[in-house]
């Protein structure tokens, strides 16, 4: 999958597992991560903590089935996001060529999801829905959309970066 190709899967996790994740996700200790965006002067600050190995494995296996490819996990983290500025960026690097975000807990809102850019213009909004997974190739420019929302509540998700092997 190269270029602008987004896959959306609702009800990504089985119901029982999703409900457990939703209950516990706000209880983790989130630490600030400061990541300088590729080809940019911007720092993308986000709050995260690593997922448990079994959650990482479930996500990896589901992605392997969706893409019909084998992956190794670069990282898999629970994330917490509040209001931010628009930070369109690309995460493609030597350790990451596919990504997935799974929305876990938050207010359902078009502007709480993720925006995807084509030719530096916002092209596609994917709204936040709990237990929705969004998968894309890491050369696709994207940004959290919280900056566009009047609702300043937190959004909890899982972000996983994968390297094709």
N, C-alpha and C. Protein backbone atom coordinates (compact mmCIF):
# COMPACT_ATOMS: atom_id res chain seq x y z
N UNK A 1 0.85 -1.17 0.00
CA UNK A 1 0.00 0.00 0.00
C UNK A 1 0.89 1.23 0.00
N UNK A 2 0.88 1.97 -1.07
CA UNK A 2 1.69 3.18 -1.15
C UNK A 2 0.79 4.35 -1.50
N UNK A 3 1.18 5.54 -1.06
CA UNK A 3 0.42 6.71 -1.40
C UNK A 3 -0.83 6.85 -0.56
N UNK A 4 -1.80 7.54 -1.13
CA UNK A 4 -3.03 7.88 -0.42
C UNK A 4 -3.99 6.72 -0.48
N UNK A 5 -3.93 5.86 0.52
CA UNK A 5 -4.78 4.69 0.58
C UNK A 5 -5.07 4.44 2.06
N UNK A 6 -6.29 4.73 2.48
CA UNK A 6 -6.68 4.65 3.88
C UNK A 6 -7.69 3.52 4.04
N UNK A 7 -7.49 2.69 5.05
CA UNK A 7 -8.41 1.61 5.36
C UNK A 7 -9.05 1.92 6.71
N UNK A 8 -10.37 1.81 6.78
CA UNK A 8 -11.10 2.07 8.02
C UNK A 8 -11.84 0.80 8.41
N UNK A 9 -11.62 0.36 9.65
CA UNK A 9 -12.27 -0.85 10.18
C UNK A 9 -12.97 -0.49 11.48
N UNK A 10 -14.28 -0.49 11.47
CA UNK A 10 -15.03 -0.31 12.70
C UNK A 10 -15.08 -1.65 13.44
N UNK A 11 -15.30 -1.58 14.76
CA UNK A 11 -15.34 -2.78 15.62
C UNK A 11 -14.06 -3.61 15.46
N UNK A 12 -12.93 -2.93 15.55
CA UNK A 12 -11.63 -3.56 15.34
C UNK A 12 -11.36 -4.65 16.37
N UNK A 13 -11.54 -4.32 17.65
CA UNK A 13 -11.34 -5.31 18.71
C UNK A 13 -12.66 -6.02 19.00
N UNK A 14 -12.57 -7.27 19.45
CA UNK A 14 -13.75 -7.97 19.91
C UNK A 14 -14.33 -7.19 21.09
N UNK A 15 -15.64 -7.25 21.24
CA UNK A 15 -16.36 -6.42 22.19
C UNK A 15 -15.81 -6.52 23.62
N UNK A 16 -15.56 -7.72 24.10
CA UNK A 16 -15.09 -7.91 25.49
C UNK A 16 -13.73 -7.25 25.71
N UNK A 17 -12.81 -7.44 24.78
CA UNK A 17 -11.49 -6.82 24.90
C UNK A 17 -11.61 -5.30 24.81
N UNK A 18 -12.40 -4.81 23.86
CA UNK A 18 -12.56 -3.37 23.72
C UNK A 18 -13.09 -2.74 25.01
N UNK A 19 -14.09 -3.36 25.62
CA UNK A 19 -14.65 -2.81 26.86
C UNK A 19 -13.61 -2.75 27.97
N UNK A 20 -12.75 -3.74 28.06
CA UNK A 20 -11.66 -3.73 29.06
C UNK A 20 -10.69 -2.59 28.77
N UNK A 21 -10.31 -2.44 27.50
CA UNK A 21 -9.41 -1.36 27.12
C UNK A 21 -10.01 0.00 27.46
N UNK A 22 -11.26 0.17 27.16
CA UNK A 22 -11.94 1.44 27.41
C UNK A 22 -11.98 1.78 28.89
N UNK A 23 -12.19 0.78 29.73
CA UNK A 23 -12.23 1.01 31.18
C UNK A 23 -10.86 1.41 31.70
N UNK A 24 -9.81 0.76 31.23
CA UNK A 24 -8.47 0.95 31.81
C UNK A 24 -7.63 2.03 31.14
N UNK A 25 -7.97 2.47 29.95
CA UNK A 25 -7.06 3.34 29.20
C UNK A 25 -6.80 4.68 29.89
N UNK A 26 -7.75 5.19 30.64
CA UNK A 26 -7.52 6.48 31.30
C UNK A 26 -6.74 6.34 32.61
N UNK A 27 -6.44 5.10 33.02
CA UNK A 27 -5.71 4.87 34.27
C UNK A 27 -4.20 4.74 34.09
N UNK A 28 -3.72 4.72 32.86
CA UNK A 28 -2.28 4.57 32.63
C UNK A 28 -1.56 5.88 32.93
N UNK A 29 -0.25 5.77 33.17
CA UNK A 29 0.58 6.95 33.39
C UNK A 29 1.17 7.36 32.05
N UNK A 30 0.72 8.47 31.52
CA UNK A 30 1.15 8.96 30.22
C UNK A 30 2.31 9.94 30.39
N UNK A 31 3.33 9.76 29.58
CA UNK A 31 4.50 10.64 29.61
C UNK A 31 4.57 11.41 28.30
N UNK A 32 5.06 12.63 28.38
CA UNK A 32 5.20 13.46 27.18
C UNK A 32 6.31 12.90 26.29
N UNK A 33 6.00 12.77 25.02
CA UNK A 33 6.97 12.36 24.01
C UNK A 33 7.17 13.55 23.08
N UNK A 34 8.39 13.92 22.82
CA UNK A 34 8.70 15.05 21.96
C UNK A 34 9.36 14.51 20.71
N UNK A 35 8.70 14.64 19.60
CA UNK A 35 9.19 14.07 18.35
C UNK A 35 9.30 15.18 17.31
N UNK A 36 10.52 15.45 16.83
CA UNK A 36 10.69 16.43 15.76
C UNK A 36 10.22 15.80 14.46
N UNK A 37 9.30 16.47 13.81
CA UNK A 37 8.71 15.92 12.60
C UNK A 37 9.69 15.98 11.44
N UNK A 38 9.69 14.94 10.62
CA UNK A 38 10.56 14.86 9.47
C UNK A 38 10.32 16.03 8.53
N UNK A 39 11.39 16.61 8.02
CA UNK A 39 11.32 17.74 7.09
C UNK A 39 10.51 18.90 7.66
N UNK A 40 10.68 19.16 8.94
CA UNK A 40 9.88 20.19 9.58
C UNK A 40 10.65 20.77 10.76
N UNK A 41 10.29 21.98 11.13
CA UNK A 41 10.84 22.60 12.33
C UNK A 41 9.92 22.39 13.53
N UNK A 42 8.81 21.68 13.33
CA UNK A 42 7.82 21.49 14.38
C UNK A 42 8.18 20.31 15.26
N UNK A 43 7.89 20.47 16.54
CA UNK A 43 7.94 19.35 17.48
C UNK A 43 6.51 18.90 17.71
N UNK A 44 6.29 17.62 17.58
CA UNK A 44 4.98 17.03 17.79
C UNK A 44 5.00 16.41 19.18
N UNK A 45 4.42 17.11 20.16
CA UNK A 45 4.40 16.61 21.53
C UNK A 45 3.11 15.81 21.72
N UNK A 46 3.26 14.59 22.20
CA UNK A 46 2.10 13.74 22.46
C UNK A 46 2.38 12.95 23.73
N UNK A 47 1.35 12.41 24.32
CA UNK A 47 1.46 11.72 25.60
C UNK A 47 1.13 10.25 25.38
N UNK A 48 2.01 9.38 25.87
CA UNK A 48 1.81 7.96 25.60
C UNK A 48 2.43 7.09 26.68
N UNK A 49 2.08 5.81 26.59
CA UNK A 49 2.74 4.76 27.36
C UNK A 49 2.61 3.46 26.56
N UNK A 50 3.58 2.58 26.66
CA UNK A 50 3.55 1.35 25.85
C UNK A 50 2.35 0.47 26.20
N UNK A 51 1.83 -0.20 25.19
CA UNK A 51 0.77 -1.19 25.42
C UNK A 51 1.39 -2.47 25.97
N UNK A 52 0.56 -3.32 26.49
CA UNK A 52 1.00 -4.64 26.91
C UNK A 52 1.33 -5.46 25.66
N UNK A 53 2.22 -6.43 25.81
CA UNK A 53 2.67 -7.24 24.68
C UNK A 53 1.51 -7.98 24.00
N UNK A 54 0.54 -8.46 24.78
CA UNK A 54 -0.58 -9.18 24.16
C UNK A 54 -1.43 -8.26 23.28
N UNK A 55 -1.59 -7.00 23.66
CA UNK A 55 -2.34 -6.05 22.84
C UNK A 55 -1.56 -5.76 21.56
N UNK A 56 -0.27 -5.55 21.69
CA UNK A 56 0.61 -5.35 20.53
C UNK A 56 0.48 -6.52 19.55
N UNK A 57 0.51 -7.73 20.07
CA UNK A 57 0.42 -8.92 19.21
C UNK A 57 -0.93 -9.03 18.51
N UNK A 58 -2.01 -8.71 19.23
CA UNK A 58 -3.34 -8.75 18.61
C UNK A 58 -3.40 -7.76 17.46
N UNK A 59 -2.91 -6.56 17.67
CA UNK A 59 -2.93 -5.54 16.61
C UNK A 59 -2.07 -5.97 15.43
N UNK A 60 -0.87 -6.44 15.70
CA UNK A 60 0.03 -6.89 14.63
C UNK A 60 -0.62 -8.00 13.81
N UNK A 61 -1.19 -8.99 14.49
CA UNK A 61 -1.82 -10.10 13.78
C UNK A 61 -3.00 -9.65 12.93
N UNK A 62 -3.82 -8.74 13.46
CA UNK A 62 -4.96 -8.23 12.69
C UNK A 62 -4.47 -7.45 11.46
N UNK A 63 -3.41 -6.66 11.63
CA UNK A 63 -2.86 -5.90 10.50
C UNK A 63 -2.26 -6.83 9.45
N UNK A 64 -1.59 -7.88 9.90
CA UNK A 64 -1.05 -8.85 8.94
C UNK A 64 -2.16 -9.49 8.12
N UNK A 65 -3.30 -9.76 8.75
CA UNK A 65 -4.44 -10.33 8.01
C UNK A 65 -5.05 -9.32 7.05
N UNK A 66 -5.16 -8.07 7.47
CA UNK A 66 -5.75 -7.04 6.62
C UNK A 66 -4.87 -6.78 5.39
N UNK A 67 -3.57 -6.64 5.60
CA UNK A 67 -2.65 -6.31 4.51
C UNK A 67 -2.11 -7.54 3.77
N UNK A 68 -2.29 -8.71 4.38
CA UNK A 68 -1.71 -9.94 3.83
C UNK A 68 -0.19 -9.80 3.68
N UNK A 69 0.42 -9.27 4.76
CA UNK A 69 1.87 -9.05 4.83
C UNK A 69 2.32 -9.38 6.24
N UNK A 70 3.62 -9.60 6.41
CA UNK A 70 4.22 -9.83 7.73
C UNK A 70 4.84 -8.53 8.21
N UNK A 71 4.70 -8.27 9.52
CA UNK A 71 5.22 -7.04 10.11
C UNK A 71 6.01 -7.33 11.37
N UNK A 72 6.89 -6.40 11.69
CA UNK A 72 7.45 -6.31 13.03
C UNK A 72 6.98 -4.97 13.57
N UNK A 73 6.78 -4.89 14.86
CA UNK A 73 6.25 -3.68 15.48
C UNK A 73 7.39 -2.74 15.83
N UNK A 74 7.33 -1.51 15.34
CA UNK A 74 8.29 -0.47 15.70
C UNK A 74 7.93 0.06 17.09
N UNK A 75 6.69 0.44 17.28
CA UNK A 75 6.18 0.74 18.61
C UNK A 75 4.67 0.64 18.61
N UNK A 76 4.13 0.43 19.81
CA UNK A 76 2.69 0.32 20.00
C UNK A 76 2.39 0.95 21.36
N UNK A 77 1.67 2.08 21.34
CA UNK A 77 1.45 2.86 22.55
C UNK A 77 0.00 3.26 22.71
N UNK A 78 -0.42 3.33 23.97
CA UNK A 78 -1.64 4.04 24.32
C UNK A 78 -1.31 5.52 24.20
N UNK A 79 -2.24 6.31 23.70
CA UNK A 79 -1.97 7.74 23.57
C UNK A 79 -3.13 8.55 24.14
N UNK A 80 -2.77 9.72 24.62
CA UNK A 80 -3.71 10.69 25.17
C UNK A 80 -3.49 11.98 24.40
N UNK A 81 -4.55 12.54 23.87
CA UNK A 81 -4.43 13.76 23.08
C UNK A 81 -5.50 14.74 23.52
N UNK A 82 -5.10 15.96 23.81
CA UNK A 82 -6.04 17.04 24.09
C UNK A 82 -5.99 17.98 22.89
N UNK A 83 -6.30 19.23 23.07
CA UNK A 83 -6.28 20.14 21.93
C UNK A 83 -4.85 20.37 21.48
N UNK A 84 -4.67 20.47 20.19
CA UNK A 84 -3.35 20.67 19.59
C UNK A 84 -3.47 21.63 18.41
N UNK A 85 -2.34 22.06 17.93
CA UNK A 85 -2.31 22.78 16.66
C UNK A 85 -2.29 21.76 15.54
N UNK A 86 -2.70 22.20 14.37
CA UNK A 86 -2.60 21.31 13.20
C UNK A 86 -1.12 21.02 12.97
N UNK A 87 -0.77 19.73 12.88
CA UNK A 87 0.62 19.32 12.68
C UNK A 87 0.69 18.26 11.58
N UNK A 88 0.40 18.65 10.34
CA UNK A 88 0.50 17.66 9.26
C UNK A 88 1.93 17.14 9.16
N UNK A 89 2.06 15.81 9.12
CA UNK A 89 3.39 15.21 9.08
C UNK A 89 3.33 13.83 8.45
N UNK A 90 4.50 13.34 8.12
CA UNK A 90 4.69 11.99 7.55
C UNK A 90 5.62 11.24 8.49
N UNK A 91 5.28 10.00 8.82
CA UNK A 91 6.09 9.21 9.76
C UNK A 91 6.96 8.17 9.08
N UNK A 92 7.02 8.16 7.77
CA UNK A 92 7.81 7.18 7.05
C UNK A 92 9.28 7.29 7.46
N UNK A 93 9.86 6.15 7.87
CA UNK A 93 11.28 6.10 8.19
C UNK A 93 11.75 4.67 8.05
N UNK A 94 13.00 4.40 8.35
CA UNK A 94 13.56 3.06 8.17
C UNK A 94 12.87 1.99 9.02
N UNK A 95 12.19 2.40 10.10
CA UNK A 95 11.55 1.44 11.00
C UNK A 95 10.02 1.45 10.92
N UNK A 96 9.48 2.23 10.00
CA UNK A 96 8.03 2.38 9.95
C UNK A 96 7.56 2.63 8.52
N UNK A 97 6.74 1.71 8.01
CA UNK A 97 6.14 1.99 6.70
C UNK A 97 4.61 1.77 6.69
N UNK A 98 4.02 1.32 7.79
CA UNK A 98 2.57 1.22 7.92
C UNK A 98 2.17 1.66 9.32
N UNK A 99 1.01 2.29 9.43
CA UNK A 99 0.53 2.78 10.71
C UNK A 99 -0.92 2.42 10.92
N UNK A 100 -1.27 2.39 12.19
CA UNK A 100 -2.66 2.18 12.56
C UNK A 100 -2.94 3.01 13.81
N UNK A 101 -4.10 3.63 13.84
CA UNK A 101 -4.61 4.25 15.05
C UNK A 101 -5.95 3.60 15.34
N UNK A 102 -6.16 3.24 16.60
CA UNK A 102 -7.42 2.66 17.02
C UNK A 102 -7.99 3.60 18.08
N UNK A 103 -9.13 4.19 17.78
CA UNK A 103 -9.77 5.11 18.72
C UNK A 103 -10.45 4.30 19.82
N UNK A 104 -10.13 4.63 21.07
CA UNK A 104 -10.62 3.84 22.19
C UNK A 104 -11.69 4.59 23.00
N UNK A 105 -11.39 5.80 23.43
CA UNK A 105 -12.32 6.49 24.33
C UNK A 105 -12.30 7.98 24.05
N UNK A 106 -13.47 8.55 23.94
CA UNK A 106 -13.58 9.98 23.73
C UNK A 106 -14.93 10.33 23.14
N UNK A 107 -15.14 11.61 22.93
CA UNK A 107 -16.39 12.07 22.34
C UNK A 107 -16.38 11.83 20.84
N UNK A 108 -17.46 11.27 20.35
CA UNK A 108 -17.59 11.03 18.92
C UNK A 108 -17.75 12.38 18.24
N UNK A 109 -16.83 12.66 17.33
CA UNK A 109 -16.83 13.96 16.68
C UNK A 109 -15.93 13.87 15.46
N UNK A 110 -16.37 14.45 14.36
CA UNK A 110 -15.56 14.46 13.15
C UNK A 110 -14.20 15.09 13.41
N UNK A 111 -14.17 16.13 14.25
CA UNK A 111 -12.92 16.86 14.50
C UNK A 111 -12.10 16.29 15.64
N UNK A 112 -12.42 15.11 16.11
CA UNK A 112 -11.60 14.44 17.11
C UNK A 112 -10.81 13.29 16.49
N UNK A 113 -10.97 13.08 15.20
CA UNK A 113 -10.31 12.00 14.50
C UNK A 113 -8.99 12.42 13.88
N UNK A 114 -8.76 11.98 12.65
CA UNK A 114 -7.50 12.21 11.95
C UNK A 114 -7.79 12.77 10.57
N UNK A 115 -6.97 13.73 10.17
CA UNK A 115 -7.08 14.31 8.83
C UNK A 115 -5.94 13.83 7.96
N UNK A 116 -6.24 13.60 6.70
CA UNK A 116 -5.23 13.15 5.73
C UNK A 116 -5.12 14.19 4.63
N UNK A 117 -3.88 14.43 4.21
CA UNK A 117 -3.57 15.51 3.28
C UNK A 117 -3.12 14.95 1.94
N UNK A 118 -3.50 15.65 0.89
CA UNK A 118 -3.08 15.33 -0.47
C UNK A 118 -2.60 16.64 -1.08
N UNK A 119 -1.35 16.65 -1.55
CA UNK A 119 -0.77 17.87 -2.12
C UNK A 119 -0.87 19.04 -1.13
N UNK A 120 -0.55 18.77 0.13
CA UNK A 120 -0.52 19.75 1.22
C UNK A 120 -1.88 20.35 1.54
N UNK A 121 -2.97 19.80 1.03
CA UNK A 121 -4.31 20.26 1.35
C UNK A 121 -5.03 19.16 2.12
N UNK A 122 -5.77 19.57 3.16
CA UNK A 122 -6.57 18.62 3.89
C UNK A 122 -7.59 18.02 2.92
N UNK A 123 -7.55 16.69 2.76
CA UNK A 123 -8.36 16.01 1.76
C UNK A 123 -9.45 15.17 2.38
N UNK A 124 -9.14 14.49 3.50
CA UNK A 124 -10.07 13.52 4.07
C UNK A 124 -10.07 13.62 5.59
N UNK A 125 -11.27 13.74 6.16
CA UNK A 125 -11.48 13.66 7.60
C UNK A 125 -11.95 12.26 7.93
N UNK A 126 -11.34 11.64 8.91
CA UNK A 126 -11.87 10.39 9.46
C UNK A 126 -12.28 10.72 10.89
N UNK A 127 -13.57 10.67 11.14
CA UNK A 127 -14.09 11.04 12.45
C UNK A 127 -13.79 10.01 13.52
N UNK A 128 -13.77 10.47 14.75
CA UNK A 128 -13.54 9.61 15.91
C UNK A 128 -14.79 8.80 16.19
N UNK A 129 -14.65 7.50 16.19
CA UNK A 129 -15.68 6.57 16.67
C UNK A 129 -14.95 5.53 17.50
N UNK A 130 -15.45 5.25 18.68
CA UNK A 130 -14.80 4.26 19.53
C UNK A 130 -14.71 2.92 18.84
N UNK A 131 -13.56 2.28 18.97
CA UNK A 131 -13.23 0.97 18.39
C UNK A 131 -13.11 1.02 16.87
N UNK A 132 -12.84 2.19 16.34
CA UNK A 132 -12.56 2.34 14.90
C UNK A 132 -11.04 2.34 14.71
N UNK A 133 -10.58 1.56 13.75
CA UNK A 133 -9.17 1.53 13.38
C UNK A 133 -9.00 2.20 12.03
N UNK A 134 -7.95 2.99 11.91
CA UNK A 134 -7.60 3.63 10.65
C UNK A 134 -6.18 3.21 10.33
N UNK A 135 -5.98 2.63 9.14
CA UNK A 135 -4.68 2.12 8.72
C UNK A 135 -4.25 2.85 7.46
N UNK A 136 -2.94 3.13 7.36
CA UNK A 136 -2.42 3.81 6.18
C UNK A 136 -0.94 3.54 6.02
N UNK A 137 -0.45 3.81 4.81
CA UNK A 137 0.99 3.72 4.56
C UNK A 137 1.63 4.97 5.14
N UNK A 138 2.78 4.82 5.74
CA UNK A 138 3.41 5.91 6.50
C UNK A 138 3.91 7.06 5.65
N UNK A 139 3.81 6.97 4.33
CA UNK A 139 4.20 8.11 3.51
C UNK A 139 3.02 9.06 3.28
N UNK A 140 1.91 8.83 3.97
CA UNK A 140 0.73 9.68 3.84
C UNK A 140 0.75 10.76 4.91
N UNK A 141 0.64 12.00 4.48
CA UNK A 141 0.64 13.13 5.41
C UNK A 141 -0.67 13.13 6.18
N UNK A 142 -0.58 13.29 7.51
CA UNK A 142 -1.75 13.23 8.37
C UNK A 142 -1.56 14.14 9.58
N UNK A 143 -2.65 14.36 10.31
CA UNK A 143 -2.60 15.17 11.52
C UNK A 143 -3.80 14.84 12.40
N UNK A 144 -3.62 14.90 13.73
CA UNK A 144 -4.81 14.85 14.59
C UNK A 144 -5.69 16.06 14.24
N UNK A 145 -6.99 15.90 14.36
CA UNK A 145 -7.90 17.00 14.01
C UNK A 145 -8.42 17.77 15.21
N UNK A 146 -7.93 17.46 16.41
CA UNK A 146 -8.45 18.13 17.61
C UNK A 146 -8.39 19.65 17.51
N UNK A 147 -7.43 20.18 16.77
CA UNK A 147 -7.29 21.62 16.62
C UNK A 147 -8.56 22.25 16.03
N UNK A 148 -9.33 21.49 15.27
CA UNK A 148 -10.52 22.02 14.59
C UNK A 148 -11.79 21.86 15.44
N UNK A 149 -11.68 21.28 16.62
CA UNK A 149 -12.86 20.99 17.44
C UNK A 149 -13.05 22.04 18.53
N UNK A 150 -14.29 22.42 18.74
CA UNK A 150 -14.61 23.27 19.88
C UNK A 150 -14.62 22.47 21.17
N UNK A 151 -14.77 21.15 21.05
CA UNK A 151 -14.76 20.23 22.19
C UNK A 151 -13.31 19.96 22.57
N UNK A 152 -12.90 20.40 23.73
CA UNK A 152 -11.50 20.27 24.16
C UNK A 152 -11.26 19.05 25.04
N UNK A 153 -12.19 18.08 25.03
CA UNK A 153 -12.02 16.88 25.83
C UNK A 153 -10.89 16.01 25.27
N UNK A 154 -10.42 15.10 26.10
CA UNK A 154 -9.30 14.23 25.73
C UNK A 154 -9.77 13.13 24.78
N UNK A 155 -8.82 12.66 23.97
CA UNK A 155 -9.04 11.52 23.08
C UNK A 155 -8.01 10.46 23.44
N UNK A 156 -8.48 9.24 23.69
CA UNK A 156 -7.60 8.11 23.99
C UNK A 156 -7.59 7.16 22.80
N UNK A 157 -6.40 6.75 22.40
CA UNK A 157 -6.24 5.87 21.24
C UNK A 157 -5.07 4.93 21.47
N UNK A 158 -4.91 4.02 20.54
CA UNK A 158 -3.69 3.22 20.45
C UNK A 158 -3.09 3.51 19.09
N UNK A 159 -1.79 3.80 19.09
CA UNK A 159 -1.07 4.04 17.84
C UNK A 159 0.00 2.97 17.73
N UNK A 160 0.08 2.40 16.55
CA UNK A 160 1.06 1.33 16.31
C UNK A 160 1.74 1.60 14.97
N UNK A 161 3.06 1.57 14.98
CA UNK A 161 3.84 1.68 13.74
C UNK A 161 4.44 0.33 13.42
N UNK A 162 4.34 -0.05 12.15
CA UNK A 162 4.75 -1.39 11.70
C UNK A 162 5.75 -1.28 10.57
N UNK A 163 6.67 -2.23 10.55
CA UNK A 163 7.66 -2.34 9.48
C UNK A 163 7.41 -3.64 8.76
N UNK A 164 7.23 -3.56 7.45
CA UNK A 164 7.03 -4.77 6.65
C UNK A 164 8.31 -5.58 6.62
N UNK A 165 8.18 -6.90 6.82
CA UNK A 165 9.36 -7.77 6.77
C UNK A 165 9.21 -8.80 5.66
